Amino acid sequence: MDVSIILTYRCNSKCSMCYVWQHPTLPQEEVPLATLAKIPSGVDYLNLTGGEPTLREDLLDIVDLLHPKAMQLEISSNGSYPERLEPIIRRYPDVKIRFSLEGFELTNNRIRGERGGFDRKVKGLLRLKELGGKDLGFAVTIQDDNGPELAKLFQFAEKHGVELATSTLHNGFQFHKNDNRPYNGLRVAQHIESLINQQLRSRSVKNWFRAYLNLGLIAKVLGHDRILKCTAAADFVFIDPWSDVFACNVRPDLRLGNLNTSSWEGILDGPKARSIRELVDKCTQNCWMVGSAKTAMRVKWFPKLPKAAPILWVARNKLRVTFGRSADLGQILDPLRARQGPVGPARPSFLDAATPRHVQTGDDPYYAQLGEFLNE
């Protein structure tokens, strides 16, 4: 099973697609070490995320606790405090680090509301590489505003010997907004198509399977159904800053229990978990995020082994690009290829905005007021 832990809702970025930074948590209420100790050993993949996880002063202690419990541990960061990750990489060079990067300097800083963010992320990640980091990279949320830079961003990552992870605009309960969808899905899909072909031409097997993951992103932005079924609550869960365990980070109604007051086994093996898995099986949300995509792509009992469908797609399309053709995107994109549509307006930037912040507390009724988020 994969586990993602939202260590905090505090964040010093001001992203246009996520308003969590306007609704920070109180440090004293955030999931403590004693609760995290309840997570059992043998986790396939464990992601420490936020908010911004480097704002947790006990992040190294958290890594010390959880690193032995997981086959792979990742820290998803905005990259604003890379120096806080240096002691972690010195001690655990195999920890996976991803810095959010939404494009080159002007684009990244405008989308993420970060003054000097691009330079800080790039220099910080390369410093972690000097220290011996083995699995470093950037993560981009593909959208109208950065789609034209996507192919060059991949080349930039390749040049520096780091990875490029991808997601796209989606709605979830922690974002405090429900309008994360592209203005022009076709244009965004065409930018993703260019990335897919670059990834299939690379020598990295990992990139070939990322191309399949990006096929799922094309289906997402065009409003098609998921290319593989979701396995939330069975193969992955999310833990929020107040230790509530959810099937995913999209539907606040799929709450499994609270790790402060219950055991891990009690949360995941009880009748409520079984009923929530039934709800997941009927879920109509059209999500395709890294966490739910990875688990859907792999064999349950052999998490490093992809399922047959991704393997066959990769083999067929790797062969196509080897002989100078483009990847076959079949019924997902081909029928729409000739259409272009208008270019949507840029989303508002909070780079120089003075926006008030409202502290979230454990008894805040925010989740209950959300209603259902829609991913089309």
Protein backbone atom coordinates (compact mmCIF):
# COMPACT_ATOMS: atom_id res chain seq x y z
CA MET A 1 0.00 0.00 0.00
CA ASP A 2 1.02 3.61 -0.67
CA VAL A 3 0.56 6.31 1.98
CA SER A 4 0.61 10.07 1.46
CA ILE A 5 0.87 12.23 4.57
CA ILE A 6 -0.13 15.89 4.42
CA LEU A 7 2.18 17.02 7.21
CA THR A 8 0.90 20.60 7.24
CA TYR A 9 -1.36 22.99 5.39
CA ARG A 10 1.14 25.79 6.02
CA CYS A 11 2.77 26.94 2.78
CA ASN A 12 4.91 29.90 1.75
CA SER A 13 4.10 29.65 -1.96
CA LYS A 14 1.00 31.43 -3.31
CA CYS A 15 -0.12 29.17 -6.14
CA SER A 16 -2.93 30.06 -8.51
CA MET A 17 -4.25 26.47 -8.59
CA CYS A 18 -4.11 25.78 -4.84
CA TYR A 19 -5.27 28.08 -2.06
CA VAL A 20 -4.05 25.99 0.86
CA TRP A 21 -1.56 28.77 1.64
CA GLN A 22 -4.53 30.98 2.56
CA HIS A 23 -5.71 28.39 5.13
CA PRO A 24 -2.71 27.23 7.22
CA THR A 25 -2.91 24.77 10.10
CA LEU A 26 -1.61 25.37 13.62
CA PRO A 27 1.75 23.62 14.19
CA GLN A 28 0.61 22.24 17.54
CA GLU A 29 -2.36 20.48 15.89
CA GLU A 30 -0.41 18.81 13.08
CA VAL A 31 0.01 15.04 13.02
CA PRO A 32 2.63 14.14 15.69
CA LEU A 33 5.43 11.59 15.67
CA ALA A 34 3.58 9.33 18.09
CA THR A 35 0.72 9.02 15.63
CA LEU A 36 2.98 8.49 12.64
CA ALA A 37 4.63 5.66 14.58
CA LYS A 38 1.38 3.70 14.14
CA ILE A 39 2.05 3.34 10.41
CA PRO A 40 3.32 -0.22 9.96
CA SER A 41 6.47 -1.36 8.23
CA GLY A 42 6.20 -2.65 4.68
CA VAL A 43 4.63 0.42 3.05
CA ASP A 44 5.35 0.31 -0.68
CA TYR A 45 5.60 4.06 -1.17
CA LEU A 46 5.35 6.85 1.39
CA ASN A 47 5.04 10.49 0.37
CA LEU A 48 5.52 13.41 2.79
CA THR A 49 3.68 16.37 1.34
CA GLY A 50 1.74 19.49 2.28
CA GLY A 51 1.37 22.43 2.23
CA GLU A 52 5.10 22.71 2.47
CA PRO A 53 6.64 19.84 4.49
CA THR A 54 9.94 21.64 5.15
CA LEU A 55 8.00 24.02 7.40
CA ARG A 56 7.78 21.16 9.89
CA GLU A 57 10.68 21.69 12.28
CA ASP A 58 10.69 17.96 13.08
CA LEU A 59 10.93 16.83 9.43
CA LEU A 60 14.24 15.02 9.98
CA ASP A 61 12.75 13.17 12.96
CA ILE A 62 9.78 12.20 10.81
CA VAL A 63 12.09 10.83 8.12
CA ASP A 64 14.12 8.95 10.75
CA LEU A 65 10.88 7.32 11.91
CA LEU A 66 9.32 6.52 8.54
CA HIS A 67 12.28 5.78 6.26
CA PRO A 68 12.71 2.22 7.62
CA LYS A 69 8.97 1.56 7.16
CA ALA A 70 8.81 2.21 3.40
CA MET A 71 10.32 0.69 0.29
CA GLN A 72 10.54 4.25 -1.02
CA LEU A 73 10.07 7.55 0.78
CA GLU A 74 9.42 10.81 -1.06
CA ILE A 75 9.33 14.42 0.07
CA SER A 76 7.22 16.66 -2.18
CA SER A 77 8.42 20.22 -1.62
CA ASN A 78 8.08 23.62 -3.23
CA GLY A 79 11.88 23.86 -3.05
CA SER A 80 11.93 27.15 -1.20
CA TYR A 81 14.06 25.81 1.68
CA PRO A 82 16.40 23.30 0.04
CA GLU A 83 18.93 23.71 2.84
CA ARG A 84 16.47 22.04 5.21
CA LEU A 85 16.64 18.90 3.08
CA GLU A 86 20.45 18.71 3.04
CA PRO A 87 20.76 16.80 6.36
CA ILE A 88 18.12 14.35 5.13
CA ILE A 89 19.95 13.65 1.88
CA ARG A 90 23.26 13.30 3.70
CA ARG A 91 21.70 10.67 5.95
CA TYR A 92 19.34 9.06 3.42
CA PRO A 93 20.58 9.65 -0.15
CA ASP A 94 17.87 7.33 -1.50
CA VAL A 95 15.03 9.59 -0.33
CA LYS A 96 13.11 10.80 -3.36
CA ILE A 97 12.87 14.60 -3.61
CA ARG A 98 10.57 16.47 -5.98
CA PHE A 99 10.52 20.27 -6.20
CA SER A 100 7.41 21.84 -7.73
CA LEU A 101 8.44 23.76 -10.85
CA GLU A 102 5.75 25.17 -13.14
CA GLY A 103 7.98 26.34 -15.97
CA PHE A 104 10.94 28.63 -16.45
CA GLU A 105 11.59 31.74 -14.39
CA LEU A 106 8.73 34.09 -15.30
CA THR A 107 6.14 31.32 -15.68
CA ASN A 108 7.02 29.46 -12.50
CA ASN A 109 7.21 32.56 -10.36
CA ARG A 110 3.90 33.90 -11.67
CA ILE A 111 1.97 30.62 -11.30
CA ARG A 112 3.38 29.79 -7.88
CA GLY A 113 3.58 33.34 -6.53
CA GLU A 114 7.27 32.94 -5.75
CA ARG A 115 9.75 35.79 -5.96
CA GLY A 116 13.01 34.20 -7.18
CA GLY A 117 11.52 30.74 -6.87
CA PHE A 118 12.90 29.29 -10.09
CA ASP A 119 16.56 30.01 -9.31
CA ARG A 120 16.21 28.83 -5.71
CA LYS A 121 14.68 25.50 -6.76
CA VAL A 122 17.22 24.76 -9.49
CA LYS A 123 20.26 25.67 -7.40
CA GLY A 124 18.84 23.82 -4.40
CA LEU A 125 18.16 20.61 -6.30
CA LEU A 126 21.59 20.62 -7.91
CA ARG A 127 23.12 21.11 -4.45
CA LEU A 128 21.25 18.02 -3.22
CA LYS A 129 22.65 16.17 -6.21
CA GLU A 130 26.19 17.23 -5.21
CA LEU A 131 25.50 15.81 -1.75
CA GLY A 132 24.72 12.41 -3.24
CA GLY A 133 20.95 12.51 -3.75
CA LYS A 134 19.99 9.58 -5.99
CA ASP A 135 16.38 10.32 -6.93
CA LEU A 136 15.88 14.02 -7.49
CA GLY A 137 13.59 15.88 -9.81
CA PHE A 138 11.02 18.53 -10.53
CA ALA A 139 7.24 18.16 -10.59
CA VAL A 140 5.04 20.21 -12.90
CA THR A 141 1.27 20.75 -12.83
CA ILE A 142 0.47 20.98 -16.54
CA GLN A 143 -2.00 23.74 -17.43
CA ASP A 144 -2.75 26.33 -20.10
CA ASP A 145 -0.20 28.78 -18.70
CA ASN A 146 2.82 26.46 -18.84
CA GLY A 147 1.92 23.97 -21.58
CA PRO A 148 4.11 25.68 -24.22
CA GLU A 149 7.17 25.24 -21.97
CA LEU A 150 6.55 21.58 -21.15
CA ALA A 151 8.80 19.98 -23.77
CA LYS A 152 11.69 22.33 -23.00
CA LEU A 153 11.22 21.74 -19.28
CA PHE A 154 11.69 18.02 -19.90
CA GLN A 155 14.87 18.77 -21.85
CA PHE A 156 16.06 21.00 -19.03
CA ALA A 157 15.59 18.22 -16.49
CA GLU A 158 17.36 15.72 -18.75
CA LYS A 159 20.28 18.11 -19.21
CA HIS A 160 20.77 18.34 -15.44
CA GLY A 161 20.32 14.61 -14.85
CA VAL A 162 17.12 14.90 -12.80
CA GLU A 163 13.58 13.61 -13.27
CA LEU A 164 10.41 15.40 -14.35
CA ALA A 165 7.14 14.25 -12.77
CA THR A 166 3.83 15.45 -14.17
CA SER A 167 0.28 16.05 -13.05
CA THR A 168 -2.43 18.34 -14.34
CA LEU A 169 -5.07 20.62 -12.90
CA HIS A 170 -7.45 18.73 -10.64
CA ASN A 171 -9.80 19.46 -7.76
CA GLY A 172 -9.37 18.16 -4.24
CA PHE A 173 -10.48 18.98 -0.74
CA GLN A 174 -7.26 20.66 0.36
CA PHE A 175 -7.17 23.23 -2.46
CA HIS A 176 -10.07 25.45 -1.28
CA LYS A 177 -11.21 25.88 -4.88
CA ASN A 178 -13.24 23.88 -7.34
CA ASP A 179 -12.42 25.40 -10.72
CA ASN A 180 -9.16 23.61 -11.55
CA ARG A 181 -9.72 22.64 -15.15
CA PRO A 182 -8.01 23.82 -18.35
CA TYR A 183 -9.47 26.62 -20.41
CA ASN A 184 -8.58 24.72 -23.56
CA GLY A 185 -8.10 21.00 -22.89
CA LEU A 186 -7.17 20.25 -26.50
CA ARG A 187 -4.23 22.64 -26.51
CA VAL A 188 -3.01 21.28 -23.18
CA ALA A 189 -3.39 17.72 -24.50
CA GLN A 190 -1.30 18.54 -27.55
CA HIS A 191 1.51 19.85 -25.35
CA ILE A 192 1.35 16.60 -23.35
CA GLU A 193 1.48 14.65 -26.61
CA SER A 194 4.80 16.31 -27.48
CA LEU A 195 6.15 15.32 -24.06
CA ILE A 196 4.99 11.73 -24.53
CA ASN A 197 6.95 11.42 -27.76
CA GLN A 198 10.06 12.88 -26.15
CA GLN A 199 9.80 10.46 -23.23
CA LEU A 200 9.41 7.47 -25.53
CA ARG A 201 12.51 8.55 -27.48
CA SER A 202 14.62 8.71 -24.33
CA ARG A 203 16.76 5.84 -23.07
CA SER A 204 15.06 5.75 -19.70
CA VAL A 205 12.58 2.92 -19.10
CA LYS A 206 11.09 5.06 -16.34
CA ASN A 207 10.35 7.78 -18.90
CA TRP A 208 8.62 5.27 -21.17
CA PHE A 209 6.14 4.42 -18.43
CA ARG A 210 5.78 8.09 -17.54
CA ALA A 211 4.62 8.49 -21.13
CA TYR A 212 1.77 6.08 -20.34
CA LEU A 213 0.96 8.05 -17.20
CA ASN A 214 0.83 11.16 -19.38
CA LEU A 215 -1.55 9.36 -21.72
CA GLY A 216 -3.86 9.26 -18.71
CA LEU A 217 -3.38 13.01 -18.26
CA ILE A 218 -4.51 13.59 -21.85
CA ALA A 219 -7.64 11.58 -21.13
CA LYS A 220 -8.16 13.67 -17.99
CA VAL A 221 -7.86 17.11 -19.61
CA LEU A 222 -10.13 16.05 -22.50
CA GLY A 223 -12.80 14.75 -20.15
CA HIS A 224 -12.47 11.06 -21.04
CA ASP A 225 -12.83 8.31 -18.45
CA ARG A 226 -9.76 7.10 -16.58
CA ILE A 227 -7.67 4.70 -18.64
CA LEU A 228 -7.28 2.42 -15.58
CA LYS A 229 -9.60 1.91 -12.63
CA CYS A 230 -8.94 3.73 -9.34
CA THR A 231 -7.94 1.63 -6.33
CA ALA A 232 -8.25 4.22 -3.53
CA ALA A 233 -8.58 2.83 0.03
CA ALA A 234 -7.28 -0.52 -1.21
CA ASP A 235 -3.87 0.44 -2.62
CA PHE A 236 -3.37 3.96 -1.25
CA VAL A 237 -4.63 6.35 1.44
CA PHE A 238 -4.10 9.97 2.46
CA ILE A 239 -3.54 11.25 6.00
CA ASP A 240 -4.36 14.91 6.61
CA PRO A 241 -2.65 17.22 9.15
CA TRP A 242 -5.19 16.31 11.87
CA SER A 243 -4.46 12.57 11.44
CA ASP A 244 -7.69 11.85 9.58
CA VAL A 245 -7.25 9.02 7.08
CA PHE A 246 -9.01 9.37 3.72
CA ALA A 247 -9.30 7.08 0.73
CA CYS A 248 -7.98 9.91 -1.44
CA ASN A 249 -7.41 13.66 -1.40
CA VAL A 250 -10.41 14.43 -3.62
CA ARG A 251 -13.54 13.31 -1.75
CA PRO A 252 -13.86 14.47 1.88
CA ASP A 253 -16.77 12.06 2.36
CA LEU A 254 -14.42 9.06 2.05
CA ARG A 255 -12.98 9.37 5.56
CA LEU A 256 -11.78 6.05 6.97
CA GLY A 257 -10.98 7.13 10.52
CA ASN A 258 -8.52 9.02 12.70
CA LEU A 259 -5.06 7.65 13.44
CA ASN A 260 -4.80 9.57 16.72
CA THR A 261 -7.65 7.60 18.22
CA SER A 262 -7.57 4.32 16.26
CA SER A 263 -5.05 1.71 15.20
CA TRP A 264 -3.87 1.34 11.61
CA GLU A 265 -5.47 -2.08 11.37
CA GLY A 266 -8.72 -0.85 12.87
CA ILE A 267 -8.96 1.89 10.24
CA LEU A 268 -8.09 -0.19 7.18
CA ASP A 269 -9.59 -3.58 8.03
CA GLY A 270 -12.96 -2.62 9.50
CA PRO A 271 -16.46 -2.56 8.00
CA LYS A 272 -16.24 1.20 7.26
CA ALA A 273 -13.17 0.63 5.08
CA ARG A 274 -15.00 -2.09 3.19
CA SER A 275 -17.99 0.17 2.57
CA ILE A 276 -15.73 3.01 1.39
CA ARG A 277 -13.99 0.67 -1.06
CA GLU A 278 -17.43 -0.09 -2.48
CA LEU A 279 -18.03 3.65 -2.89
CA VAL A 280 -14.67 3.99 -4.64
CA ASP A 281 -15.67 1.21 -7.02
CA LYS A 282 -18.72 3.29 -8.04
CA CYS A 283 -16.96 6.68 -7.99
CA THR A 284 -17.49 8.84 -11.09
CA GLN A 285 -14.75 11.37 -10.34
CA ASN A 286 -12.43 11.54 -13.34
CA CYS A 287 -9.16 11.80 -11.41
CA TRP A 288 -5.72 10.91 -12.69
CA MET A 289 -3.16 12.10 -10.17
CA VAL A 290 0.29 10.63 -9.58
CA GLY A 291 -0.76 8.73 -6.45
CA SER A 292 -3.86 7.15 -7.95
CA ALA A 293 -2.25 6.60 -11.37
CA LYS A 294 0.85 4.79 -10.09
CA THR A 295 -1.11 2.30 -8.04
CA ALA A 296 -3.51 1.68 -10.92
CA MET A 297 -0.59 1.01 -13.29
CA ARG A 298 1.20 -1.60 -11.20
CA VAL A 299 0.61 -5.17 -10.08
CA LYS A 300 -0.82 -5.10 -6.55
CA TRP A 301 1.47 -7.72 -4.99
CA PHE A 302 4.57 -6.74 -7.00
CA PRO A 303 4.62 -2.92 -6.83
CA LYS A 304 7.70 -2.56 -9.06
CA LEU A 305 6.00 -4.49 -11.87
CA PRO A 306 3.60 -2.68 -14.25
CA LYS A 307 0.35 -4.28 -15.34
CA ALA A 308 -0.07 -5.77 -18.79
CA ALA A 309 -1.89 -2.77 -20.31
CA PRO A 310 0.92 -0.24 -19.63
CA ILE A 311 3.58 -2.75 -20.72
CA LEU A 312 1.85 -3.46 -24.03
CA TRP A 313 1.21 0.24 -24.72
CA VAL A 314 4.83 1.15 -23.96
CA ALA A 315 6.22 -1.70 -26.10
CA ARG A 316 4.02 -0.83 -29.08
CA ASN A 317 4.68 2.90 -28.96
CA LYS A 318 8.38 2.64 -28.17
CA LEU A 319 8.63 0.61 -31.37
CA ARG A 320 6.71 3.29 -33.27
CA VAL A 321 8.99 6.15 -32.22
CA THR A 322 12.09 4.01 -32.80
CA PHE A 323 11.07 3.85 -36.46
CA GLY A 324 10.41 7.57 -36.70
CA ARG A 325 6.67 7.62 -36.07
CA SER A 326 4.72 9.32 -33.30
CA ALA A 327 2.97 7.59 -30.44
CA ASP A 328 -0.47 6.27 -31.32
CA LEU A 329 -2.96 8.08 -29.10
CA GLY A 330 -5.90 6.34 -30.77
CA GLN A 331 -9.37 7.48 -29.82
CA ILE A 332 -8.15 9.77 -27.03
CA LEU A 333 -6.71 12.59 -29.13
CA ASP A 334 -6.64 11.75 -32.85
CA PRO A 335 -10.27 12.67 -33.67
CA LEU A 336 -9.76 16.16 -32.22
CA ARG A 337 -6.29 16.90 -33.52
CA ALA A 338 -7.31 19.40 -36.19
CA ARG A 339 -9.27 21.55 -33.75
CA GLN A 340 -7.52 24.33 -31.89
CA GLY A 341 -9.98 26.57 -30.10
CA PRO A 342 -9.22 29.84 -28.34
CA VAL A 343 -6.35 30.42 -25.96
CA GLY A 344 -7.78 31.02 -22.51
CA PRO A 345 -6.82 33.96 -20.29
CA ALA A 346 -3.93 33.55 -17.87
CA ARG A 347 -5.00 32.63 -14.37
CA PRO A 348 -4.60 35.31 -11.72
CA SER A 349 -1.18 35.50 -10.12
CA PHE A 350 -0.70 36.13 -6.41
CA LEU A 351 2.99 36.99 -6.78
CA ASP A 352 2.61 40.50 -5.36
CA ALA A 353 -0.81 40.10 -3.78
CA ALA A 354 -1.42 40.73 -0.08
CA THR A 355 -4.03 38.06 0.60
CA PRO A 356 -5.41 37.47 4.10
CA ARG A 357 -4.95 34.02 5.63
CA HIS A 358 -7.49 32.13 7.71
CA VAL A 359 -6.06 29.57 10.12
CA GLN A 360 -7.70 26.14 9.90
CA THR A 361 -8.19 24.26 13.15
CA GLY A 362 -9.17 20.69 13.89
CA ASP A 363 -12.76 21.65 14.67
CA ASP A 364 -13.14 23.79 11.55
CA PRO A 365 -16.22 22.51 9.64
CA TYR A 366 -14.46 23.17 6.31
CA TYR A 367 -14.54 19.58 5.01
CA ALA A 368 -18.23 19.16 5.82
CA GLN A 369 -19.11 22.32 3.89
CA LEU A 370 -17.27 21.38 0.73
CA GLY A 371 -19.88 19.29 -1.01
CA GLU A 372 -18.60 17.12 -3.83
CA PHE A 373 -15.64 18.23 -5.88
CA LEU A 374 -15.93 17.64 -9.57
CA ASN A 375 -13.16 16.28 -11.78
CA GLU A 376 -14.55 15.97 -15.28
